[in-house]
Amino acid sequence: MTAMHRLTWAGLASVLLSGCAVGPDFHKPAPPVSLTYAPAKLVARDDAQTFVQGLDIPGQWWTLFHSAALQRLVQRALAANPSLQSAQAALLQARETLYAQEGSFLPSLSGTFEPTRNKTATRSVSYAAAKPVAYYTLITAELSVSYSPDIWGLNRRQVESLVAQTEQQRFQLEATYLTLTANLVAASINEAALRAQIQATRGIIAAETDLLAVLQKQYDLGQIAMVDVLAQKTALAQAQATLPPLQKQLDQQRDALASLLGVPPDTIVPEKFTLDDITLPRQLPVSIPASLVDQRPDIRQAEANLHAASANVGVAVANRLPLLNLTAQGGSQSNYFKQLFASGNGFWTIGASLTEPIFDGGALLHKARAARAALDQAKADYRTTALAAFQNVADSLAALQADADADAAAHAAQRAATDALRIVRLQVSLGQVAYLGILNAQQAALQAELTLIQARAARLADTAALFQSLGGGWWHRDDAHVKDLRGDDPLAIIGVHN
């Protein structure tokens, strides 16, 4: 063989063994060019909170509320919540499936050792032994090697799809982590608000009861009509009717906390929350939309699904092309174990096969078309997820601005009602106003306090919602990662760079 022939065959072998990956190559979707989330300019309404463009989010963002009870609650939930454990197991499963597919890049080797005891029909016309021997032993030892060169990139596209699916599971884990912590913060704030509302409602009921007693005495003295007493009884009953729903909500909230902790509802949760124990974070981060697509776990999941759909198109195309398989078998065979590897007992076979689909009723064609349709669907789903995420952030920012206005109005009303109550008390002490006046002022003050409680709780809850909508700072923590038997890190396996 000439040097030119050897070079030609070497080049052909290189092409066959390396091949090319058919189908589209994945490209990360272009980030949005918008720098804001709403046409109106984002401004802080008061000094209690300020918006900081580009401010990073800590991995344990809930610590910004400065509640020791909340931090203890989160740590216990992260250790025992079954949803988080399920997501961790799903990530581990995806990674092991990826490892299994990566094994297809290498030849498969199997060994066989087969001893048999046989009996031959000695009177058969086909029996040709010189000396009839009915019973004999046959021992075979064999190695088999099989390898399919990835000519069209079928295996590479399958691995690429599994890499993307592993990435999807990783961000499903991050989304589960973020949802769990956000639900714990929201539940704690809700419990604190309910306790404060129950306390304020009981104060209102007490004031309404005292007012009814005063009106009843006035009626007994003939100073007012019965209709005034009945009206106050109605007001008292209405105030009393608001208490059981609040208590029911508090009980259900405690059940929800137990569920988030991964324990049954009859388990005692020692932490109890009040609004005074939860601090409103002062600085609020605002990430531009171009950064949000890398921060939101749901967008990263949608991107991974898009990547997997792109790779699956290549798999569908490669399945319609010829498949080359190389095989080799070699071993030794003997009637006696001690002669198994003696000279002359060896055998070997080397072969190759090329399989080309000729007729399948259009199955592979339609599978390829279905894969392209799935890719189009994944593209649309990615855009839908991104738009929903931008809306989520915009809604949170708008809510916080409205919360600041509502909080300011509630504080003003509460201060005015408190000042009015103080003045009325002074007038009562001077004999200028009847006792009924102080009860009315007290009722107004308690109602203003109830409104202020609701405003404070809404602002705390919407602050937590903003941290959640911006991704929750998962890129700063690794406590949700899981190790497999190879000891690999998920980020290194799937090629995720934050």
Protein backbone atom coordinates (compact mmCIF):
# COMPACT_ATOMS: atom_id res chain seq x y z
CA MET A 1 0.00 0.00 0.00
CA THR A 2 1.41 3.39 -0.96
CA ALA A 3 1.84 6.30 1.40
CA MET A 4 -1.02 8.08 -0.39
CA HIS A 5 -3.35 5.14 0.18
CA ARG A 6 -2.39 4.91 3.84
CA LEU A 7 -3.03 8.64 4.25
CA THR A 8 -6.41 8.31 2.52
CA TRP A 9 -7.52 5.39 4.70
CA ALA A 10 -6.27 7.15 7.82
CA GLY A 11 -8.28 10.25 6.93
CA LEU A 12 -11.40 8.16 6.22
CA ALA A 13 -11.02 6.33 9.53
CA SER A 14 -10.66 9.64 11.32
CA VAL A 15 -13.87 10.93 9.76
CA LEU A 16 -15.74 7.74 10.63
CA LEU A 17 -14.54 7.72 14.22
CA SER A 18 -15.00 11.43 14.92
CA GLY A 19 -17.92 12.25 12.66
CA CYS A 20 -20.08 15.31 12.91
CA ALA A 21 -23.09 16.15 15.07
CA VAL A 22 -26.16 16.62 12.89
CA GLY A 23 -28.98 18.90 13.94
CA PRO A 24 -28.95 22.48 15.24
CA ASP A 25 -26.25 23.71 17.60
CA PHE A 26 -27.72 25.32 20.70
CA HIS A 27 -27.23 29.02 21.31
CA LYS A 28 -28.30 30.74 24.50
CA PRO A 29 -31.27 33.08 23.87
CA ALA A 30 -30.34 36.73 23.57
CA PRO A 31 -30.98 38.70 26.78
CA PRO A 32 -33.57 41.50 26.74
CA VAL A 33 -32.32 45.00 25.98
CA SER A 34 -34.74 46.73 28.36
CA LEU A 35 -33.19 48.31 31.45
CA THR A 36 -36.39 48.71 33.50
CA TYR A 37 -39.58 46.82 34.27
CA ALA A 38 -42.12 49.63 33.91
CA PRO A 39 -42.50 52.86 31.90
CA ALA A 40 -42.65 54.96 35.07
CA LYS A 41 -39.46 55.76 36.96
CA LEU A 42 -38.82 53.65 40.03
CA VAL A 43 -38.47 55.86 43.11
CA ALA A 44 -38.58 55.21 46.84
CA ARG A 45 -41.66 56.65 48.53
CA ASP A 46 -40.07 57.11 51.96
CA ASP A 47 -36.85 56.68 53.90
CA ALA A 48 -37.80 53.25 55.26
CA GLN A 49 -36.70 51.49 52.08
CA THR A 50 -34.59 52.45 49.09
CA PHE A 51 -34.14 50.74 45.71
CA VAL A 52 -30.54 50.00 44.74
CA GLN A 53 -29.91 49.17 41.08
CA GLY A 54 -27.64 46.16 40.67
CA LEU A 55 -27.44 45.38 44.40
CA ASP A 56 -26.50 41.73 44.86
CA ILE A 57 -28.73 39.35 46.81
CA PRO A 58 -27.25 37.22 49.61
CA GLY A 59 -27.77 33.50 49.41
CA GLN A 60 -29.55 33.54 52.78
CA TRP A 61 -31.63 36.61 52.00
CA TRP A 62 -34.14 35.91 54.79
CA THR A 63 -31.50 36.91 57.35
CA LEU A 64 -32.08 40.53 56.24
CA PHE A 65 -35.32 40.42 58.25
CA HIS A 66 -33.20 39.93 61.41
CA SER A 67 -35.45 37.31 62.99
CA ALA A 68 -33.59 34.63 64.93
CA ALA A 69 -36.74 32.49 65.10
CA LEU A 70 -37.13 32.66 61.33
CA GLN A 71 -33.53 31.60 60.78
CA ARG A 72 -33.97 28.59 63.06
CA LEU A 73 -37.15 27.66 61.23
CA VAL A 74 -35.49 27.82 57.81
CA GLN A 75 -32.55 25.68 58.92
CA ARG A 76 -34.85 22.95 60.23
CA ALA A 77 -36.96 23.01 57.08
CA LEU A 78 -33.93 22.72 54.81
CA ALA A 79 -32.89 19.60 56.68
CA ALA A 80 -36.26 17.83 56.69
CA ASN A 81 -38.59 19.14 53.97
CA PRO A 82 -39.54 16.21 51.68
CA SER A 83 -40.03 18.38 48.59
CA LEU A 84 -36.42 19.50 48.80
CA GLN A 85 -35.24 15.94 49.35
CA SER A 86 -37.26 14.82 46.30
CA ALA A 87 -35.63 17.50 44.14
CA GLN A 88 -32.18 16.45 45.34
CA ALA A 89 -32.91 12.81 44.47
CA ALA A 90 -34.19 13.85 41.03
CA LEU A 91 -30.93 15.71 40.37
CA LEU A 92 -28.90 12.69 41.44
CA GLN A 93 -30.96 10.47 39.15
CA ALA A 94 -30.44 12.81 36.19
CA ARG A 95 -26.69 12.88 36.74
CA GLU A 96 -26.40 9.09 36.96
CA THR A 97 -28.44 8.77 33.76
CA LEU A 98 -26.01 11.17 32.11
CA TYR A 99 -23.03 9.09 33.29
CA ALA A 100 -24.65 5.96 31.86
CA GLN A 101 -25.03 7.57 28.45
CA GLU A 102 -21.44 8.85 28.48
CA GLY A 103 -20.34 5.20 28.61
CA SER A 104 -21.44 4.87 24.97
CA PHE A 105 -18.40 6.88 23.89
CA LEU A 106 -16.20 3.90 24.79
CA PRO A 107 -16.16 0.33 23.45
CA SER A 108 -18.10 -2.25 25.43
CA LEU A 109 -16.17 -5.32 26.56
CA SER A 110 -17.75 -8.50 27.90
CA GLY A 111 -16.29 -11.84 28.91
CA THR A 112 -17.88 -15.29 28.78
CA PHE A 113 -16.79 -18.51 30.45
CA GLU A 114 -18.99 -21.44 29.44
CA PRO A 115 -18.26 -25.02 30.58
CA THR A 116 -20.76 -27.59 29.23
CA ARG A 117 -21.24 -31.34 29.49
CA ASN A 118 -22.69 -32.87 26.32
CA LYS A 119 -24.01 -36.18 24.96
CA THR A 120 -23.90 -36.98 21.27
CA ALA A 121 -26.23 -39.31 19.42
CA THR A 122 -23.67 -41.96 18.41
CA ARG A 123 -26.01 -43.78 16.01
CA SER A 124 -26.85 -40.65 14.09
CA VAL A 125 -25.96 -40.78 10.40
CA SER A 126 -24.23 -37.44 10.87
CA TYR A 127 -21.96 -38.73 13.61
CA ALA A 128 -18.45 -38.86 12.09
CA ALA A 129 -16.18 -39.56 15.02
CA ALA A 130 -13.55 -42.24 14.47
CA LYS A 131 -14.27 -43.68 17.87
CA PRO A 132 -17.78 -43.29 19.14
CA VAL A 133 -17.75 -41.10 22.29
CA ALA A 134 -21.17 -40.22 23.51
CA TYR A 135 -20.16 -37.95 26.40
CA TYR A 136 -17.72 -35.10 26.27
CA THR A 137 -16.92 -31.78 27.99
CA LEU A 138 -16.49 -28.49 26.18
CA ILE A 139 -15.02 -25.43 27.86
CA THR A 140 -15.17 -22.03 26.12
CA ALA A 141 -13.59 -18.76 27.26
CA GLU A 142 -14.41 -15.73 25.11
CA LEU A 143 -14.00 -11.95 25.06
CA SER A 144 -16.33 -9.78 22.96
CA VAL A 145 -15.74 -6.15 21.99
CA SER A 146 -18.34 -3.91 20.39
CA TYR A 147 -18.05 -0.28 19.37
CA SER A 148 -20.30 2.06 17.42
CA PRO A 149 -18.39 5.09 16.06
CA ASP A 150 -20.42 8.26 16.62
CA ILE A 151 -20.33 9.21 12.92
CA TRP A 152 -23.37 11.52 12.91
CA GLY A 153 -23.17 12.65 16.52
CA LEU A 154 -26.11 10.54 17.69
CA ASN A 155 -24.49 9.74 21.02
CA ARG A 156 -23.14 13.26 21.42
CA ARG A 157 -26.60 14.73 20.92
CA GLN A 158 -28.06 12.22 23.39
CA VAL A 159 -25.43 13.20 25.94
CA GLU A 160 -26.06 16.87 25.19
CA SER A 161 -29.78 16.34 25.83
CA LEU A 162 -29.06 14.58 29.12
CA VAL A 163 -26.68 17.36 30.13
CA ALA A 164 -29.48 19.85 29.56
CA GLN A 165 -31.93 17.66 31.48
CA THR A 166 -29.46 17.50 34.37
CA GLU A 167 -29.21 21.26 34.27
CA GLN A 168 -32.99 21.47 34.29
CA GLN A 169 -33.14 19.27 37.38
CA ARG A 170 -30.46 21.35 39.06
CA PHE A 171 -32.52 24.50 38.62
CA GLN A 172 -35.65 22.63 39.65
CA LEU A 173 -33.79 22.00 42.90
CA GLU A 174 -32.91 25.69 43.17
CA ALA A 175 -36.54 26.64 42.48
CA THR A 176 -37.73 24.22 45.16
CA TYR A 177 -35.20 25.66 47.61
CA LEU A 178 -36.29 29.22 46.80
CA THR A 179 -39.99 28.39 47.03
CA LEU A 180 -39.51 26.67 50.37
CA THR A 181 -37.59 29.53 51.96
CA ALA A 182 -39.95 32.14 50.50
CA ASN A 183 -42.98 30.24 51.79
CA LEU A 184 -41.40 30.07 55.25
CA VAL A 185 -40.79 33.82 55.30
CA ALA A 186 -44.32 34.53 54.03
CA ALA A 187 -45.82 32.13 56.57
CA SER A 188 -43.88 33.78 59.41
CA ILE A 189 -45.00 37.26 58.36
CA ASN A 190 -48.58 36.08 57.96
CA GLU A 191 -48.56 34.51 61.41
CA ALA A 192 -47.16 37.69 62.94
CA ALA A 193 -49.83 39.77 61.18
CA LEU A 194 -52.62 37.43 62.31
CA ARG A 195 -51.47 37.56 65.93
CA ALA A 196 -51.41 41.35 65.79
CA GLN A 197 -54.84 41.48 64.14
CA ILE A 198 -56.29 39.14 66.74
CA GLN A 199 -54.92 41.31 69.52
CA ALA A 200 -56.28 44.48 67.91
CA THR A 201 -59.65 42.84 67.22
CA ARG A 202 -59.94 41.78 70.84
CA GLY A 203 -59.26 45.39 71.80
CA ILE A 204 -62.00 46.56 69.45
CA ILE A 205 -64.42 44.00 70.92
CA ALA A 206 -63.55 45.19 74.44
CA ALA A 207 -64.15 48.80 73.42
CA GLU A 208 -67.44 47.90 71.73
CA THR A 209 -68.50 45.98 74.85
CA ASP A 210 -67.71 48.94 77.11
CA LEU A 211 -69.59 51.25 74.74
CA LEU A 212 -72.62 48.96 74.81
CA ALA A 213 -72.58 49.01 78.62
CA VAL A 214 -72.56 52.84 78.62
CA LEU A 215 -75.43 53.01 76.10
CA GLN A 216 -77.43 50.49 78.10
CA LYS A 217 -77.09 52.66 81.22
CA GLN A 218 -78.12 55.74 79.25
CA TYR A 219 -81.14 53.87 77.94
CA ASP A 220 -82.06 52.76 81.45
CA LEU A 221 -81.92 56.44 82.49
CA GLY A 222 -84.10 57.39 79.56
CA GLN A 223 -81.42 59.44 77.86
CA ILE A 224 -81.35 57.49 74.54
CA ALA A 225 -83.70 55.32 72.52
CA MET A 226 -83.57 51.53 72.29
CA VAL A 227 -82.56 51.80 68.62
CA ASP A 228 -79.21 53.21 69.72
CA VAL A 229 -78.62 50.24 72.00
CA LEU A 230 -79.58 47.79 69.28
CA ALA A 231 -77.26 49.51 66.81
CA GLN A 232 -74.36 49.10 69.23
CA LYS A 233 -75.25 45.45 69.83
CA THR A 234 -75.08 44.97 66.07
CA ALA A 235 -71.67 46.67 65.95
CA LEU A 236 -70.41 44.47 68.80
CA ALA A 237 -71.67 41.30 67.13
CA GLN A 238 -70.02 42.31 63.87
CA ALA A 239 -66.70 42.90 65.64
CA GLN A 240 -67.00 39.54 67.43
CA ALA A 241 -67.71 37.81 64.11
CA THR A 242 -64.34 38.90 62.74
CA LEU A 243 -62.39 37.11 65.47
CA PRO A 244 -63.10 33.39 64.69
CA PRO A 245 -61.94 33.67 61.03
CA LEU A 246 -58.69 35.25 62.20
CA GLN A 247 -58.16 32.49 64.76
CA LYS A 248 -58.93 29.87 62.10
CA GLN A 249 -56.36 31.43 59.77
CA LEU A 250 -53.77 31.42 62.55
CA ASP A 251 -54.39 27.75 63.32
CA GLN A 252 -54.15 26.87 59.63
CA GLN A 253 -50.98 28.92 59.35
CA ARG A 254 -49.41 26.91 62.16
CA ASP A 255 -50.38 23.71 60.33
CA ALA A 256 -48.74 25.08 57.18
CA LEU A 257 -45.54 25.83 59.09
CA ALA A 258 -45.43 22.26 60.38
CA SER A 259 -45.87 20.94 56.82
CA LEU A 260 -43.03 23.13 55.55
CA LEU A 261 -40.86 21.75 58.34
CA GLY A 262 -41.63 18.22 57.18
CA VAL A 263 -43.51 17.22 60.36
CA PRO A 264 -47.19 16.34 60.97
CA PRO A 265 -49.54 19.13 62.12
CA ASP A 266 -49.80 17.79 65.68
CA THR A 267 -46.09 18.53 66.17
CA ILE A 268 -45.44 21.55 68.36
CA VAL A 269 -43.52 24.28 66.52
CA PRO A 270 -41.84 26.31 69.27
CA GLU A 271 -41.28 29.45 67.17
CA LYS A 272 -44.03 32.08 67.38
CA PHE A 273 -43.82 35.29 65.39
CA THR A 274 -44.86 38.88 66.04
CA LEU A 275 -44.38 41.92 63.85
CA ASP A 276 -42.00 43.45 66.38
CA ASP A 277 -39.64 40.47 65.86
CA ILE A 278 -39.36 41.00 62.08
CA THR A 279 -37.36 43.93 60.72
CA LEU A 280 -38.12 45.56 57.38
CA PRO A 281 -35.00 45.41 55.14
CA ARG A 282 -33.89 48.92 54.20
CA GLN A 283 -32.10 48.33 50.88
CA LEU A 284 -33.98 46.58 48.09
CA PRO A 285 -32.07 45.15 45.10
CA VAL A 286 -33.25 45.76 41.54
CA SER A 287 -31.63 43.63 38.83
CA ILE A 288 -31.98 44.64 35.19
CA PRO A 289 -33.90 42.20 32.95
CA ALA A 290 -30.67 41.08 31.23
CA SER A 291 -29.36 39.88 34.60
CA LEU A 292 -32.69 38.44 35.68
CA VAL A 293 -32.62 35.77 32.96
CA ASP A 294 -29.50 34.33 34.62
CA GLN A 295 -30.81 34.71 38.17
CA ARG A 296 -34.30 33.22 37.98
CA PRO A 297 -34.30 29.42 38.40
CA ASP A 298 -37.48 29.08 36.34
CA ILE A 299 -35.91 30.91 33.38
CA ARG A 300 -32.80 28.76 33.66
CA GLN A 301 -35.06 25.70 33.69
CA ALA A 302 -36.81 26.91 30.54
CA GLU A 303 -33.42 27.52 28.92
CA ALA A 304 -32.31 23.99 29.81
CA ASN A 305 -35.52 22.57 28.35
CA LEU A 306 -34.86 24.54 25.17
CA HIS A 307 -31.32 23.14 25.04
CA ALA A 308 -32.61 19.57 25.48
CA ALA A 309 -35.20 20.08 22.74
CA SER A 310 -32.48 21.36 20.39
CA ALA A 311 -30.30 18.32 21.07
CA ASN A 312 -33.25 15.97 20.55
CA VAL A 313 -33.65 17.30 17.01
CA GLY A 314 -30.11 16.10 16.33
CA VAL A 315 -30.94 12.71 17.84
CA ALA A 316 -34.00 12.38 15.59
CA VAL A 317 -32.00 13.32 12.48
CA ALA A 318 -29.12 10.95 13.34
CA ASN A 319 -31.53 8.05 13.81
CA ARG A 320 -32.40 8.31 10.08
CA LEU A 321 -28.76 7.90 9.00
CA PRO A 322 -26.62 4.72 8.67
CA LEU A 323 -25.33 3.18 11.88
CA LEU A 324 -21.87 1.58 11.86
CA ASN A 325 -21.08 -1.10 14.43
CA LEU A 326 -17.64 -2.75 14.87
CA THR A 327 -17.36 -6.08 16.67
CA ALA A 328 -14.62 -8.50 17.63
CA GLN A 329 -14.72 -11.80 19.47
CA GLY A 330 -11.81 -13.91 20.56
CA GLY A 331 -11.25 -16.80 22.91
CA SER A 332 -10.25 -20.39 23.36
CA GLN A 333 -12.11 -23.71 23.42
CA SER A 334 -11.08 -27.14 24.71
CA ASN A 335 -12.43 -30.38 26.08
CA TYR A 336 -10.14 -30.05 29.11
CA PHE A 337 -9.59 -27.05 31.33
CA LYS A 338 -5.80 -27.55 31.48
CA GLN A 339 -5.64 -27.40 27.66
CA LEU A 340 -7.99 -24.40 27.37
CA PHE A 341 -5.23 -22.00 26.39
CA ALA A 342 -3.06 -24.49 24.54
CA SER A 343 -1.89 -23.78 21.04
CA GLY A 344 -4.49 -24.43 18.37
CA ASN A 345 -7.52 -23.98 20.63
CA GLY A 346 -7.90 -20.26 20.04
CA PHE A 347 -10.47 -18.58 17.77
CA TRP A 348 -11.38 -15.02 16.82
CA THR A 349 -13.81 -13.08 14.67
CA ILE A 350 -13.67 -9.45 13.51
CA GLY A 351 -16.63 -7.89 11.78
CA ALA A 352 -18.46 -4.70 10.94
CA SER A 353 -22.07 -3.94 10.12
CA LEU A 354 -23.72 -0.92 8.55
CA THR A 355 -27.44 -0.52 9.21
CA GLU A 356 -29.52 1.91 7.17
CA PRO A 357 -33.27 2.40 7.70
CA ILE A 358 -34.99 1.65 4.39
CA PHE A 359 -38.68 1.51 5.20
CA ASP A 360 -40.34 2.19 8.55
CA GLY A 361 -43.70 3.54 7.49
CA GLY A 362 -42.50 7.13 7.96
CA ALA A 363 -41.94 6.66 11.71
CA LEU A 364 -38.47 8.22 11.82
CA LEU A 365 -39.53 11.09 9.55
CA HIS A 366 -42.45 11.98 11.78
CA LYS A 367 -40.31 11.64 14.91
CA ALA A 368 -37.89 14.18 13.41
CA ARG A 369 -40.77 16.53 12.65
CA ALA A 370 -42.12 16.06 16.17
CA ALA A 371 -38.69 16.92 17.60
CA ARG A 372 -38.63 20.17 15.59
CA ALA A 373 -42.14 21.01 16.79
CA ALA A 374 -41.01 20.35 20.37
CA LEU A 375 -38.11 22.75 19.79
CA ASP A 376 -40.54 25.45 18.61
CA GLN A 377 -42.67 24.80 21.68
CA ALA A 378 -39.64 25.09 23.97
CA LYS A 379 -38.74 28.43 22.36
CA ALA A 380 -42.25 29.74 23.00
CA ASP A 381 -42.23 28.37 26.56
CA TYR A 382 -38.94 30.13 27.23
CA ARG A 383 -40.36 33.47 26.09
CA THR A 384 -43.50 32.89 28.16
CA THR A 385 -41.46 32.10 31.28
CA ALA A 386 -39.22 35.13 30.80
CA LEU A 387 -42.17 37.48 30.29
CA ALA A 388 -43.90 36.08 33.38
CA ALA A 389 -40.70 36.62 35.38
CA PHE A 390 -40.41 40.24 34.23
CA GLN A 391 -44.05 40.78 35.15
CA ASN A 392 -43.43 39.17 38.53
CA VAL A 393 -40.63 41.62 39.32
CA ALA A 394 -42.61 44.59 37.98
CA ASP A 395 -45.60 43.62 40.13
CA SER A 396 -43.39 43.31 43.22
CA LEU A 397 -41.83 46.72 42.64
CA ALA A 398 -45.22 48.34 42.04
CA ALA A 399 -46.59 46.66 45.17
CA LEU A 400 -43.73 47.95 47.28
CA GLN A 401 -44.26 51.51 46.07
CA ALA A 402 -47.97 51.24 46.85
CA ASP A 403 -47.17 49.63 50.21
CA ALA A 404 -45.00 52.61 51.14
CA ASP A 405 -47.91 54.99 50.42
CA ALA A 406 -50.37 52.78 52.31
CA ASP A 407 -47.94 52.47 55.22
CA ALA A 408 -47.50 56.24 55.38
CA ALA A 409 -51.27 56.81 55.30
CA ALA A 410 -51.86 54.16 57.96
CA HIS A 411 -49.19 55.68 60.21
CA ALA A 412 -50.75 59.13 59.77
CA ALA A 413 -54.20 57.77 60.60
CA GLN A 414 -52.87 55.91 63.60
CA ARG A 415 -51.06 58.99 64.91
CA ALA A 416 -54.15 61.12 64.41
CA ALA A 417 -56.38 58.60 66.15
CA THR A 418 -53.90 58.30 69.03
CA ASP A 419 -53.71 62.09 69.38
CA ALA A 420 -57.50 62.31 69.29
CA LEU A 421 -57.77 59.65 71.99
CA ARG A 422 -55.25 61.53 74.15
CA ILE A 423 -57.21 64.80 73.78
CA VAL A 424 -60.55 63.15 74.48
CA ARG A 425 -59.13 61.55 77.62
CA LEU A 426 -57.94 64.97 78.77
CA GLN A 427 -61.36 66.46 78.06
CA VAL A 428 -63.07 63.65 79.97
CA SER A 429 -60.80 64.29 82.95
CA LEU A 430 -61.82 67.95 82.82
CA GLY A 431 -65.51 67.06 82.56
CA GLN A 432 -65.83 68.58 79.07
CA VAL A 433 -66.77 65.35 77.22
CA ALA A 434 -68.96 62.43 78.22
CA TYR A 435 -67.44 59.00 78.72
CA LEU A 436 -69.06 57.88 75.48
CA GLY A 437 -66.66 60.14 73.62
CA ILE A 438 -63.56 58.38 74.94
CA LEU A 439 -64.99 54.97 73.94
CA ASN A 440 -65.58 56.20 70.41
CA ALA A 441 -62.08 57.63 70.24
CA GLN A 442 -60.63 54.40 71.59
CA GLN A 443 -62.54 52.37 69.00
CA ALA A 444 -61.22 54.61 66.20
CA ALA A 445 -57.67 54.27 67.51
CA LEU A 446 -57.90 50.47 67.61
CA GLN A 447 -59.32 50.39 64.07
CA ALA A 448 -56.46 52.60 62.88
CA GLU A 449 -54.02 50.22 64.57
CA LEU A 450 -55.60 47.28 62.73
CA THR A 451 -55.16 49.09 59.41
CA LEU A 452 -51.53 49.85 60.27
CA ILE A 453 -50.90 46.17 61.10
CA GLN A 454 -52.22 45.12 57.71
CA ALA A 455 -50.10 47.75 55.95
CA ARG A 456 -46.92 46.68 57.78
CA ALA A 457 -47.55 43.01 57.03
CA ALA A 458 -48.20 43.72 53.35
CA ARG A 459 -44.94 45.64 53.06
CA LEU A 460 -42.96 42.86 54.71
CA ALA A 461 -44.61 40.21 52.53
CA ASP A 462 -44.03 42.15 49.32
CA THR A 463 -40.39 42.70 50.29
CA ALA A 464 -39.95 38.94 50.61
CA ALA A 465 -41.75 38.51 47.28
CA LEU A 466 -39.25 40.86 45.62
CA PHE A 467 -36.28 38.81 46.84
CA GLN A 468 -38.01 35.69 45.54
CA SER A 469 -38.85 37.26 42.16
CA LEU A 470 -35.19 38.28 41.69
CA GLY A 471 -33.94 34.71 42.16
CA GLY A 472 -33.16 34.60 45.88
CA GLY A 473 -29.36 34.72 45.54
CA TRP A 474 -28.92 30.98 44.88
CA TRP A 475 -25.61 31.71 43.15
CA HIS A 476 -24.10 32.54 46.53
CA ARG A 477 -24.86 29.23 48.24
CA ASP A 478 -24.18 25.56 47.74
CA ASP A 479 -26.08 23.97 50.61
CA ALA A 480 -28.64 22.45 48.23
CA HIS A 481 -26.00 20.59 46.20
CA VAL A 482 -25.80 16.83 46.37
CA LYS A 483 -22.78 14.60 45.86
CA ASP A 484 -22.90 11.36 43.94
CA LEU A 485 -20.62 8.36 44.28
CA ARG A 486 -18.14 9.99 41.89
CA GLY A 487 -18.02 13.02 44.15
CA ASP A 488 -18.77 15.41 41.33
CA ASP A 489 -20.12 18.89 41.76
CA PRO A 490 -23.31 19.59 39.79
CA LEU A 491 -21.95 22.83 38.36
CA ALA A 492 -18.85 21.13 36.99
CA ILE A 493 -20.82 18.21 35.54
CA ILE A 494 -23.31 20.19 33.56
CA GLY A 495 -21.08 23.09 32.62
CA VAL A 496 -23.03 25.76 34.47
CA HIS A 497 -21.02 28.90 35.10
CA ASN A 498 -22.62 31.56 37.21
